[in-house]
C-alpha cells in the first residue's frame, strides 16, 4: 500500500463516515491537534526510563489514537462500522493516575512553571496543546455534537498532563520550577 493517496491534493480529506470536508474544517483541526499532542507525548517518552510514568504515557498514546478516531467519526445513523469512543471509564482511568501521582508529590504551595527535566518540559508543552484542543472542542460543540465525554475527557487530560509533568520531575529528583513573583 502506498503512503500517498492524492485524495487530499485539493485541500480536502475524508472523515470516517466517508464525508469529504476541507482540511481547514474545525473537526479536522481538532483531531489534528490531538495528533500533535500525541506526538509530544512520544517526545516525552523519548526522555524516560522504563518506569511507571513511561507505561502510563504509552497507554495515553494509544488512548489518544482512539480519541482521534472518535473525533474523526461524527455520529451518524449511516455509519457502517462501530467506532470505539472515549467513555467515562477513560476519564476515571486518568483520575486514578492523577491520584496515584499526587500521593507521592509534595503539596502545591506555589504556581508551577514549565520546566525541570526534559520529560517534564515536554509534558507541560503537551498540556498547553491539550488546552488549545479543549478551546477548539468547546467552539465546535456550539454547532455539532462531539459526543457525551469529549470535553470532559480533554479537560481531565490537561489535569493529568500537569500531574504527570510534576511526577516526571519527582521520578528524576528534579525540583519543579516555581513562579517567583
N, C-alpha and C. Protein backbone atom coordinates (compact mmCIF):
# COMPACT_ATOMS: atom_id res chain seq x y z
N UNK A 1 0.84 -1.18 0.00
CA UNK A 1 0.00 0.00 0.00
C UNK A 1 0.89 1.24 0.00
N UNK A 2 0.58 2.18 -0.86
CA UNK A 2 1.34 3.42 -0.93
C UNK A 2 0.91 4.36 0.19
N UNK A 3 1.84 5.17 0.63
CA UNK A 3 1.57 6.12 1.71
C UNK A 3 0.77 7.31 1.19
N UNK A 4 0.88 7.60 -0.08
CA UNK A 4 0.15 8.75 -0.62
C UNK A 4 -1.05 8.27 -1.44
N UNK A 5 -2.15 9.00 -1.29
CA UNK A 5 -3.39 8.64 -1.99
C UNK A 5 -3.77 9.68 -3.03
N UNK A 6 -3.25 10.88 -2.89
CA UNK A 6 -3.55 12.03 -3.75
C UNK A 6 -4.97 12.57 -3.57
N UNK A 7 -5.74 11.96 -2.66
CA UNK A 7 -7.12 12.42 -2.46
C UNK A 7 -7.18 13.74 -1.70
N UNK A 8 -6.09 14.14 -1.07
CA UNK A 8 -6.06 15.40 -0.34
C UNK A 8 -5.41 16.53 -1.10
N UNK A 9 -5.10 16.30 -2.35
CA UNK A 9 -4.36 17.28 -3.14
C UNK A 9 -5.12 18.56 -3.42
N UNK A 10 -6.42 18.57 -3.21
CA UNK A 10 -7.20 19.79 -3.44
C UNK A 10 -7.65 20.41 -2.11
N UNK A 11 -7.04 19.97 -1.01
CA UNK A 11 -7.32 20.58 0.29
C UNK A 11 -8.51 19.98 1.02
N UNK A 12 -8.86 18.75 0.65
CA UNK A 12 -9.95 18.06 1.34
C UNK A 12 -9.45 16.75 1.92
N UNK A 13 -10.21 16.24 2.89
CA UNK A 13 -9.93 14.95 3.49
C UNK A 13 -11.26 14.26 3.78
N UNK A 14 -11.19 13.00 4.11
CA UNK A 14 -12.41 12.26 4.43
C UNK A 14 -12.50 12.00 5.92
N UNK A 15 -13.69 12.21 6.46
CA UNK A 15 -13.98 11.75 7.82
C UNK A 15 -14.25 10.25 7.72
N UNK A 16 -14.29 9.55 8.86
CA UNK A 16 -14.51 8.10 8.82
C UNK A 16 -15.90 7.73 8.29
N UNK A 17 -16.79 8.71 8.24
CA UNK A 17 -18.12 8.46 7.68
C UNK A 17 -18.09 8.46 6.15
N UNK A 18 -16.95 8.87 5.59
CA UNK A 18 -16.83 8.99 4.14
C UNK A 18 -17.09 10.40 3.64
N UNK A 19 -17.63 11.24 4.51
CA UNK A 19 -17.90 12.63 4.14
C UNK A 19 -16.59 13.36 3.84
N UNK A 20 -16.57 14.10 2.73
CA UNK A 20 -15.40 14.90 2.37
C UNK A 20 -15.56 16.29 2.97
N UNK A 21 -14.51 16.78 3.62
CA UNK A 21 -14.51 18.11 4.22
C UNK A 21 -13.19 18.79 3.93
N UNK A 22 -13.20 20.13 4.03
CA UNK A 22 -11.95 20.88 3.85
C UNK A 22 -11.00 20.56 5.00
N UNK A 23 -9.73 20.58 4.70
CA UNK A 23 -8.74 20.32 5.75
C UNK A 23 -8.72 21.41 6.80
N UNK A 24 -9.34 22.55 6.50
CA UNK A 24 -9.45 23.64 7.46
C UNK A 24 -10.68 23.49 8.36
N UNK A 25 -11.47 22.45 8.17
CA UNK A 25 -12.64 22.17 8.99
C UNK A 25 -12.23 22.08 10.46
N UNK A 26 -13.03 22.66 11.35
CA UNK A 26 -12.69 22.67 12.77
C UNK A 26 -12.53 21.27 13.36
N UNK A 27 -13.35 20.32 12.91
CA UNK A 27 -13.23 18.95 13.41
C UNK A 27 -11.87 18.36 13.01
N UNK A 28 -11.45 18.62 11.79
CA UNK A 28 -10.14 18.15 11.31
C UNK A 28 -9.03 18.83 12.12
N UNK A 29 -9.19 20.12 12.37
CA UNK A 29 -8.21 20.84 13.20
C UNK A 29 -8.13 20.25 14.60
N UNK A 30 -9.28 19.86 15.14
CA UNK A 30 -9.30 19.29 16.49
C UNK A 30 -8.58 17.96 16.53
N UNK A 31 -8.91 17.03 15.63
CA UNK A 31 -8.22 15.74 15.73
C UNK A 31 -6.77 15.87 15.27
N UNK A 32 -6.44 16.88 14.47
CA UNK A 32 -5.04 17.16 14.15
C UNK A 32 -4.29 17.67 15.38
N UNK A 33 -4.96 18.46 16.19
CA UNK A 33 -4.35 18.95 17.43
C UNK A 33 -4.13 17.80 18.42
N UNK A 34 -5.07 16.87 18.45
CA UNK A 34 -4.90 15.68 19.30
C UNK A 34 -3.71 14.85 18.79
N UNK A 35 -3.54 14.77 17.48
CA UNK A 35 -2.39 14.07 16.89
C UNK A 35 -1.08 14.77 17.29
N UNK A 36 -1.09 16.10 17.25
CA UNK A 36 0.08 16.88 17.68
C UNK A 36 0.39 16.60 19.15
N UNK A 37 -0.64 16.60 19.96
CA UNK A 37 -0.49 16.29 21.38
C UNK A 37 0.11 14.90 21.57
N UNK A 38 -0.37 13.94 20.81
CA UNK A 38 0.13 12.58 20.91
C UNK A 38 1.61 12.51 20.54
N UNK A 39 2.03 13.30 19.56
CA UNK A 39 3.44 13.34 19.17
C UNK A 39 4.31 13.90 20.30
N UNK A 40 3.79 14.89 20.99
CA UNK A 40 4.55 15.47 22.11
C UNK A 40 4.68 14.46 23.24
N UNK A 41 3.63 13.67 23.47
CA UNK A 41 3.72 12.59 24.47
C UNK A 41 4.84 11.64 24.05
N UNK A 42 4.94 11.35 22.76
CA UNK A 42 6.02 10.50 22.26
C UNK A 42 7.38 11.11 22.52
N UNK A 43 7.50 12.42 22.36
CA UNK A 43 8.77 13.09 22.69
C UNK A 43 9.09 12.95 24.17
N UNK A 44 8.10 13.14 25.01
CA UNK A 44 8.32 13.00 26.46
C UNK A 44 8.80 11.59 26.77
N UNK A 45 8.21 10.60 26.11
CA UNK A 45 8.61 9.21 26.35
C UNK A 45 10.05 8.95 25.91
N UNK A 46 10.52 9.69 24.93
CA UNK A 46 11.90 9.51 24.45
C UNK A 46 12.92 9.88 25.53
N UNK A 47 12.48 10.66 26.52
CA UNK A 47 13.36 11.08 27.60
C UNK A 47 13.06 10.34 28.90
N UNK A 48 12.45 9.19 28.80
CA UNK A 48 12.06 8.49 30.02
C UNK A 48 12.80 7.17 30.15
N UNK A 49 12.79 6.71 31.35
CA UNK A 49 13.30 5.38 31.61
C UNK A 49 12.14 4.40 31.55
N UNK A 50 12.44 3.18 31.85
CA UNK A 50 11.39 2.17 31.88
C UNK A 50 10.76 2.23 33.26
N UNK A 51 9.80 3.15 33.43
CA UNK A 51 9.17 3.35 34.75
C UNK A 51 7.66 3.42 34.59
N UNK A 52 6.99 3.61 35.71
CA UNK A 52 5.53 3.62 35.70
C UNK A 52 4.99 4.76 34.83
N UNK A 53 5.65 5.91 34.83
CA UNK A 53 5.18 7.03 34.02
C UNK A 53 5.29 6.70 32.54
N UNK A 54 6.38 6.07 32.13
CA UNK A 54 6.52 5.68 30.73
C UNK A 54 5.40 4.73 30.33
N UNK A 55 5.08 3.78 31.19
CA UNK A 55 3.97 2.85 30.90
C UNK A 55 2.65 3.60 30.79
N UNK A 56 2.43 4.57 31.67
CA UNK A 56 1.20 5.36 31.62
C UNK A 56 1.14 6.20 30.35
N UNK A 57 2.28 6.75 29.94
CA UNK A 57 2.30 7.57 28.73
C UNK A 57 2.10 6.73 27.48
N UNK A 58 2.60 5.50 27.49
CA UNK A 58 2.35 4.59 26.37
C UNK A 58 0.86 4.29 26.27
N UNK A 59 0.23 4.03 27.41
CA UNK A 59 -1.21 3.84 27.47
C UNK A 59 -1.92 5.08 26.89
N UNK A 60 -1.43 6.27 27.28
CA UNK A 60 -2.03 7.52 26.81
C UNK A 60 -1.87 7.67 25.30
N UNK A 61 -0.71 7.29 24.75
CA UNK A 61 -0.54 7.33 23.29
C UNK A 61 -1.65 6.56 22.59
N UNK A 62 -1.93 5.37 23.08
CA UNK A 62 -2.98 4.54 22.48
C UNK A 62 -4.37 5.14 22.69
N UNK A 63 -4.60 5.70 23.87
CA UNK A 63 -5.89 6.32 24.18
C UNK A 63 -6.14 7.53 23.28
N UNK A 64 -5.09 8.32 23.05
CA UNK A 64 -5.24 9.49 22.18
C UNK A 64 -5.49 9.09 20.73
N UNK A 65 -4.94 7.97 20.31
CA UNK A 65 -5.22 7.48 18.97
C UNK A 65 -6.70 7.11 18.85
N UNK A 66 -7.22 6.46 19.88
CA UNK A 66 -8.65 6.13 19.93
C UNK A 66 -9.49 7.41 19.89
N UNK A 67 -9.07 8.42 20.65
CA UNK A 67 -9.81 9.67 20.70
C UNK A 67 -9.80 10.37 19.34
N UNK A 68 -8.66 10.34 18.66
CA UNK A 68 -8.59 10.94 17.32
C UNK A 68 -9.56 10.27 16.36
N UNK A 69 -9.63 8.95 16.43
CA UNK A 69 -10.59 8.21 15.60
C UNK A 69 -12.02 8.59 15.95
N UNK A 70 -12.29 8.73 17.24
CA UNK A 70 -13.60 9.14 17.72
C UNK A 70 -13.96 10.50 17.12
N UNK A 71 -13.04 11.45 17.21
CA UNK A 71 -13.31 12.80 16.71
C UNK A 71 -13.45 12.84 15.19
N UNK A 72 -12.80 11.93 14.50
CA UNK A 72 -12.87 11.88 13.03
C UNK A 72 -14.13 11.16 12.55
N UNK A 73 -14.98 10.75 13.48
CA UNK A 73 -16.17 9.98 13.13
C UNK A 73 -17.41 10.62 13.73
N UNK A 74 -18.01 11.57 13.00
CA UNK A 74 -19.26 12.14 13.51
C UNK A 74 -20.30 11.05 13.69
N UNK A 75 -21.11 11.21 14.73
CA UNK A 75 -22.18 10.25 14.96
C UNK A 75 -23.16 10.32 13.79
N UNK A 76 -23.42 9.19 13.20
CA UNK A 76 -24.27 9.15 12.02
C UNK A 76 -25.03 7.83 11.98
N UNK A 77 -26.33 7.89 11.64
CA UNK A 77 -27.10 6.64 11.53
C UNK A 77 -26.63 5.76 10.37
N UNK A 78 -25.88 6.35 9.43
CA UNK A 78 -25.41 5.57 8.28
C UNK A 78 -24.02 4.98 8.49
N UNK A 79 -23.47 5.17 9.67
CA UNK A 79 -22.14 4.65 9.96
C UNK A 79 -22.15 3.12 9.86
N UNK A 80 -21.28 2.59 9.00
CA UNK A 80 -21.30 1.16 8.71
C UNK A 80 -20.45 0.33 9.66
N UNK A 81 -19.53 0.96 10.37
CA UNK A 81 -18.70 0.20 11.30
C UNK A 81 -18.72 0.86 12.67
N UNK A 82 -18.53 0.03 13.65
CA UNK A 82 -18.55 0.52 15.04
C UNK A 82 -17.19 1.14 15.36
N UNK A 83 -17.23 2.33 15.91
CA UNK A 83 -16.02 3.04 16.32
C UNK A 83 -15.96 3.05 17.84
N UNK A 84 -14.81 2.72 18.37
CA UNK A 84 -14.62 2.80 19.82
C UNK A 84 -14.50 4.27 20.20
N UNK A 85 -15.31 4.68 21.14
CA UNK A 85 -15.36 6.09 21.53
C UNK A 85 -14.82 6.28 22.94
N UNK A 86 -14.38 7.50 23.20
CA UNK A 86 -13.96 7.87 24.56
C UNK A 86 -15.19 7.73 25.47
N UNK A 87 -14.97 7.20 26.67
CA UNK A 87 -16.09 6.97 27.57
C UNK A 87 -15.71 7.35 29.00
N UNK A 88 -16.65 7.19 29.89
CA UNK A 88 -16.45 7.56 31.29
C UNK A 88 -15.29 6.79 31.93
N UNK A 89 -15.11 5.52 31.55
CA UNK A 89 -14.01 4.72 32.10
C UNK A 89 -12.65 5.33 31.76
N UNK A 90 -12.53 5.92 30.57
CA UNK A 90 -11.26 6.56 30.18
C UNK A 90 -10.97 7.76 31.08
N UNK A 91 -12.01 8.49 31.43
CA UNK A 91 -11.85 9.64 32.31
C UNK A 91 -11.48 9.18 33.72
N UNK A 92 -12.13 8.15 34.19
CA UNK A 92 -11.83 7.60 35.53
C UNK A 92 -10.39 7.09 35.57
N UNK A 93 -9.92 6.46 34.50
CA UNK A 93 -8.53 5.99 34.46
C UNK A 93 -7.55 7.15 34.63
N UNK A 94 -7.82 8.27 33.96
CA UNK A 94 -6.96 9.45 34.12
C UNK A 94 -7.00 9.95 35.56
N UNK A 95 -8.17 9.99 36.14
CA UNK A 95 -8.30 10.46 37.53
C UNK A 95 -7.52 9.56 38.49
N UNK A 96 -7.57 8.26 38.27
CA UNK A 96 -6.82 7.33 39.13
C UNK A 96 -5.32 7.56 39.01
N UNK A 97 -4.86 7.82 37.80
CA UNK A 97 -3.43 8.09 37.61
C UNK A 97 -3.02 9.40 38.30
N UNK A 98 -3.85 10.42 38.18
CA UNK A 98 -3.58 11.69 38.86
C UNK A 98 -3.49 11.46 40.36
N UNK A 99 -4.45 10.75 40.90
CA UNK A 99 -4.46 10.49 42.35
C UNK A 99 -3.23 9.69 42.78
N UNK A 100 -2.83 8.73 41.96
CA UNK A 100 -1.65 7.91 42.27
C UNK A 100 -0.39 8.79 42.32
N UNK A 101 -0.25 9.69 41.35
CA UNK A 101 0.92 10.58 41.33
C UNK A 101 0.90 11.53 42.54
N UNK A 102 -0.28 12.08 42.81
CA UNK A 102 -0.39 13.05 43.90
C UNK A 102 0.02 12.49 45.25
N UNK A 103 -0.17 11.19 45.45
CA UNK A 103 0.24 10.58 46.71
C UNK A 103 1.74 10.69 46.95
N UNK A 104 2.52 10.79 45.88
CA UNK A 104 3.98 10.86 46.01
C UNK A 104 4.54 12.27 45.87
N UNK A 105 3.69 13.22 45.49
CA UNK A 105 4.17 14.58 45.24
C UNK A 105 3.99 15.48 46.45
N UNK A 106 4.89 16.45 46.57
CA UNK A 106 4.73 17.47 47.62
C UNK A 106 3.50 18.31 47.30
N UNK A 107 2.77 18.73 48.31
CA UNK A 107 1.60 19.59 48.06
C UNK A 107 2.02 20.89 47.37
N UNK A 108 1.15 21.38 46.51
CA UNK A 108 1.42 22.64 45.81
C UNK A 108 1.28 23.82 46.75
N UNK A 109 2.30 24.70 46.77
CA UNK A 109 2.23 25.91 47.57
C UNK A 109 2.49 27.14 46.72
N UNK A 110 2.98 26.90 45.48
CA UNK A 110 3.27 27.98 44.53
C UNK A 110 2.83 27.53 43.15
N UNK A 111 2.69 28.50 42.25
CA UNK A 111 2.40 28.16 40.87
C UNK A 111 3.63 27.49 40.26
N UNK A 112 3.38 26.50 39.42
CA UNK A 112 4.45 25.75 38.76
C UNK A 112 4.64 26.30 37.34
N UNK A 113 5.88 26.55 36.99
CA UNK A 113 6.22 26.96 35.63
C UNK A 113 6.68 25.74 34.83
N UNK A 114 6.53 25.77 33.52
CA UNK A 114 7.02 24.66 32.71
C UNK A 114 8.53 24.50 32.89
N UNK A 115 8.96 23.27 32.98
CA UNK A 115 10.40 23.05 33.08
C UNK A 115 10.75 21.95 34.06
N UNK A 116 12.01 21.98 34.44
CA UNK A 116 12.55 20.91 35.26
C UNK A 116 13.29 19.96 34.36
N UNK A 117 12.88 18.71 34.37
CA UNK A 117 13.50 17.73 33.48
C UNK A 117 12.97 17.89 32.06
N UNK A 118 13.66 17.29 31.11
CA UNK A 118 13.22 17.35 29.71
C UNK A 118 11.84 16.71 29.56
N UNK A 119 11.65 15.57 30.20
CA UNK A 119 10.37 14.88 30.12
C UNK A 119 9.26 15.77 30.67
N UNK A 120 9.50 16.41 31.79
CA UNK A 120 8.50 17.29 32.38
C UNK A 120 8.20 18.47 31.45
N UNK A 121 9.22 19.04 30.86
CA UNK A 121 9.02 20.18 29.96
C UNK A 121 8.13 19.79 28.77
N UNK A 122 8.35 18.62 28.21
CA UNK A 122 7.52 18.16 27.09
C UNK A 122 6.09 17.89 27.57
N UNK A 123 5.93 17.39 28.77
CA UNK A 123 4.58 17.16 29.29
C UNK A 123 3.85 18.48 29.54
N UNK A 124 4.58 19.52 29.94
CA UNK A 124 3.97 20.84 30.06
C UNK A 124 3.55 21.36 28.68
N UNK A 125 4.40 21.13 27.68
CA UNK A 125 4.03 21.54 26.33
C UNK A 125 2.77 20.78 25.88
N UNK A 126 2.72 19.51 26.17
CA UNK A 126 1.54 18.71 25.84
C UNK A 126 0.30 19.28 26.52
N UNK A 127 0.45 19.71 27.76
CA UNK A 127 -0.69 20.29 28.49
C UNK A 127 -1.21 21.54 27.78
N UNK A 128 -0.32 22.39 27.29
CA UNK A 128 -0.78 23.61 26.62
C UNK A 128 -1.45 23.28 25.28
N UNK A 129 -0.97 22.28 24.57
CA UNK A 129 -1.62 21.86 23.33
C UNK A 129 -2.99 21.25 23.66
N UNK A 130 -3.07 20.54 24.75
CA UNK A 130 -4.34 19.97 25.20
C UNK A 130 -5.34 21.08 25.49
N UNK A 131 -4.91 22.14 26.12
CA UNK A 131 -5.79 23.27 26.41
C UNK A 131 -6.28 23.92 25.11
N UNK A 132 -5.41 23.99 24.10
CA UNK A 132 -5.83 24.51 22.79
C UNK A 132 -6.90 23.60 22.19
N UNK A 133 -6.71 22.30 22.29
CA UNK A 133 -7.70 21.35 21.79
C UNK A 133 -9.03 21.54 22.53
N UNK A 134 -8.96 21.79 23.82
CA UNK A 134 -10.18 21.98 24.60
C UNK A 134 -10.94 23.23 24.12
N UNK A 135 -10.22 24.31 23.87
CA UNK A 135 -10.87 25.53 23.38
C UNK A 135 -11.54 25.28 22.04
N UNK A 136 -10.86 24.56 21.17
CA UNK A 136 -11.42 24.24 19.86
C UNK A 136 -12.64 23.33 19.99
N UNK A 137 -12.56 22.35 20.87
CA UNK A 137 -13.68 21.43 21.08
C UNK A 137 -14.91 22.16 21.59
N UNK A 138 -14.71 23.09 22.51
CA UNK A 138 -15.83 23.86 23.04
C UNK A 138 -16.47 24.68 21.92
N UNK A 139 -15.65 25.26 21.07
CA UNK A 139 -16.18 26.02 19.93
C UNK A 139 -16.99 25.12 18.99
N UNK A 140 -16.48 23.94 18.71
CA UNK A 140 -17.18 23.01 17.82
C UNK A 140 -18.51 22.58 18.42
N UNK A 141 -18.53 22.35 19.73
CA UNK A 141 -19.75 21.87 20.39
C UNK A 141 -20.91 22.86 20.27
N UNK A 142 -20.62 24.12 19.94
CA UNK A 142 -21.68 25.09 19.71
C UNK A 142 -22.52 24.72 18.48
N UNK A 143 -21.90 23.97 17.54
CA UNK A 143 -22.57 23.67 16.28
C UNK A 143 -22.78 22.19 15.98
N UNK A 144 -21.98 21.34 16.60
CA UNK A 144 -22.14 19.92 16.33
C UNK A 144 -21.74 19.11 17.56
N UNK A 145 -22.21 17.88 17.59
CA UNK A 145 -22.01 17.01 18.74
C UNK A 145 -20.69 16.26 18.60
N UNK A 146 -19.84 16.37 19.61
CA UNK A 146 -18.58 15.62 19.65
C UNK A 146 -18.70 14.39 20.54
N UNK A 147 -19.87 14.19 21.10
CA UNK A 147 -20.06 13.05 21.99
C UNK A 147 -20.17 13.51 23.43
N UNK A 148 -20.70 12.63 24.23
CA UNK A 148 -21.01 12.94 25.61
C UNK A 148 -19.77 13.24 26.47
N UNK A 149 -18.62 12.63 26.12
CA UNK A 149 -17.47 12.70 27.02
C UNK A 149 -16.27 13.50 26.48
N UNK A 150 -16.35 14.03 25.28
CA UNK A 150 -15.19 14.68 24.65
C UNK A 150 -14.62 15.83 25.49
N UNK A 151 -15.46 16.77 25.85
CA UNK A 151 -14.98 17.95 26.60
C UNK A 151 -14.46 17.53 27.97
N UNK A 152 -15.19 16.69 28.64
CA UNK A 152 -14.77 16.23 29.97
C UNK A 152 -13.43 15.50 29.88
N UNK A 153 -13.26 14.67 28.85
CA UNK A 153 -12.01 13.94 28.68
C UNK A 153 -10.84 14.89 28.46
N UNK A 154 -11.02 15.86 27.57
CA UNK A 154 -9.92 16.80 27.28
C UNK A 154 -9.58 17.60 28.54
N UNK A 155 -10.60 18.02 29.27
CA UNK A 155 -10.34 18.77 30.50
C UNK A 155 -9.55 17.93 31.51
N UNK A 156 -9.96 16.69 31.70
CA UNK A 156 -9.26 15.82 32.64
C UNK A 156 -7.86 15.49 32.14
N UNK A 157 -7.73 15.37 30.83
CA UNK A 157 -6.42 15.08 30.24
C UNK A 157 -5.42 16.20 30.54
N UNK A 158 -5.85 17.45 30.48
CA UNK A 158 -4.92 18.53 30.81
C UNK A 158 -4.53 18.48 32.28
N UNK A 159 -5.47 18.11 33.14
CA UNK A 159 -5.14 17.92 34.56
C UNK A 159 -4.11 16.80 34.71
N UNK A 160 -4.34 15.71 33.99
CA UNK A 160 -3.41 14.57 34.04
C UNK A 160 -2.02 15.01 33.60
N UNK A 161 -1.93 15.76 32.51
CA UNK A 161 -0.62 16.16 31.99
C UNK A 161 0.12 17.07 32.96
N UNK A 162 -0.62 17.91 33.69
CA UNK A 162 0.02 18.73 34.72
C UNK A 162 0.59 17.84 35.82
N UNK A 163 -0.22 16.90 36.30
CA UNK A 163 0.24 15.99 37.34
C UNK A 163 1.41 15.14 36.84
N UNK A 164 1.34 14.68 35.60
CA UNK A 164 2.41 13.86 35.04
C UNK A 164 3.70 14.64 34.90
N UNK A 165 3.60 15.93 34.57
CA UNK A 165 4.82 16.75 34.46
C UNK A 165 5.50 16.87 35.82
N UNK A 166 4.72 17.05 36.85
CA UNK A 166 5.29 17.12 38.20
C UNK A 166 5.86 15.76 38.61
N UNK A 167 5.14 14.70 38.26
CA UNK A 167 5.59 13.35 38.61
C UNK A 167 6.89 13.01 37.88
N UNK A 168 7.04 13.48 36.65
CA UNK A 168 8.28 13.25 35.91
C UNK A 168 9.46 13.87 36.66
N UNK A 169 9.29 15.10 37.13
CA UNK A 169 10.35 15.73 37.91
C UNK A 169 10.63 14.95 39.19
N UNK A 170 9.59 14.50 39.84
CA UNK A 170 9.74 13.72 41.07
C UNK A 170 10.56 12.45 40.82
N UNK A 171 10.24 11.73 39.75
CA UNK A 171 10.95 10.48 39.45
C UNK A 171 12.42 10.72 39.14
N UNK A 172 12.71 11.90 38.61
CA UNK A 172 14.09 12.21 38.22
C UNK A 172 14.80 13.07 39.27
N UNK A 173 14.18 13.23 40.44
CA UNK A 173 14.76 14.02 41.54
C UNK A 173 15.11 15.44 41.10
N UNK A 174 14.21 16.04 40.33
CA UNK A 174 14.37 17.42 39.87
C UNK A 174 13.24 18.23 40.49
N UNK A 175 13.60 19.37 41.05
CA UNK A 175 12.58 20.24 41.66
C UNK A 175 11.70 20.85 40.58
N UNK A 176 10.40 20.99 40.89
CA UNK A 176 9.53 21.75 40.00
C UNK A 176 10.04 23.18 39.94
N UNK A 177 9.84 23.82 38.80
CA UNK A 177 10.18 25.24 38.64
C UNK A 177 8.98 26.04 39.12
N UNK A 178 9.20 26.90 40.10
CA UNK A 178 8.08 27.66 40.67
C UNK A 178 8.14 29.12 40.23
N UNK A 179 6.97 29.72 40.21
CA UNK A 179 6.85 31.12 39.86
C UNK A 179 7.30 31.97 41.04
N UNK A 180 8.27 32.81 40.79
CA UNK A 180 8.78 33.72 41.82
C UNK A 180 8.33 35.12 41.46
N UNK A 181 7.32 35.59 42.17
CA UNK A 181 6.82 36.93 41.86
C UNK A 181 7.49 37.98 42.69
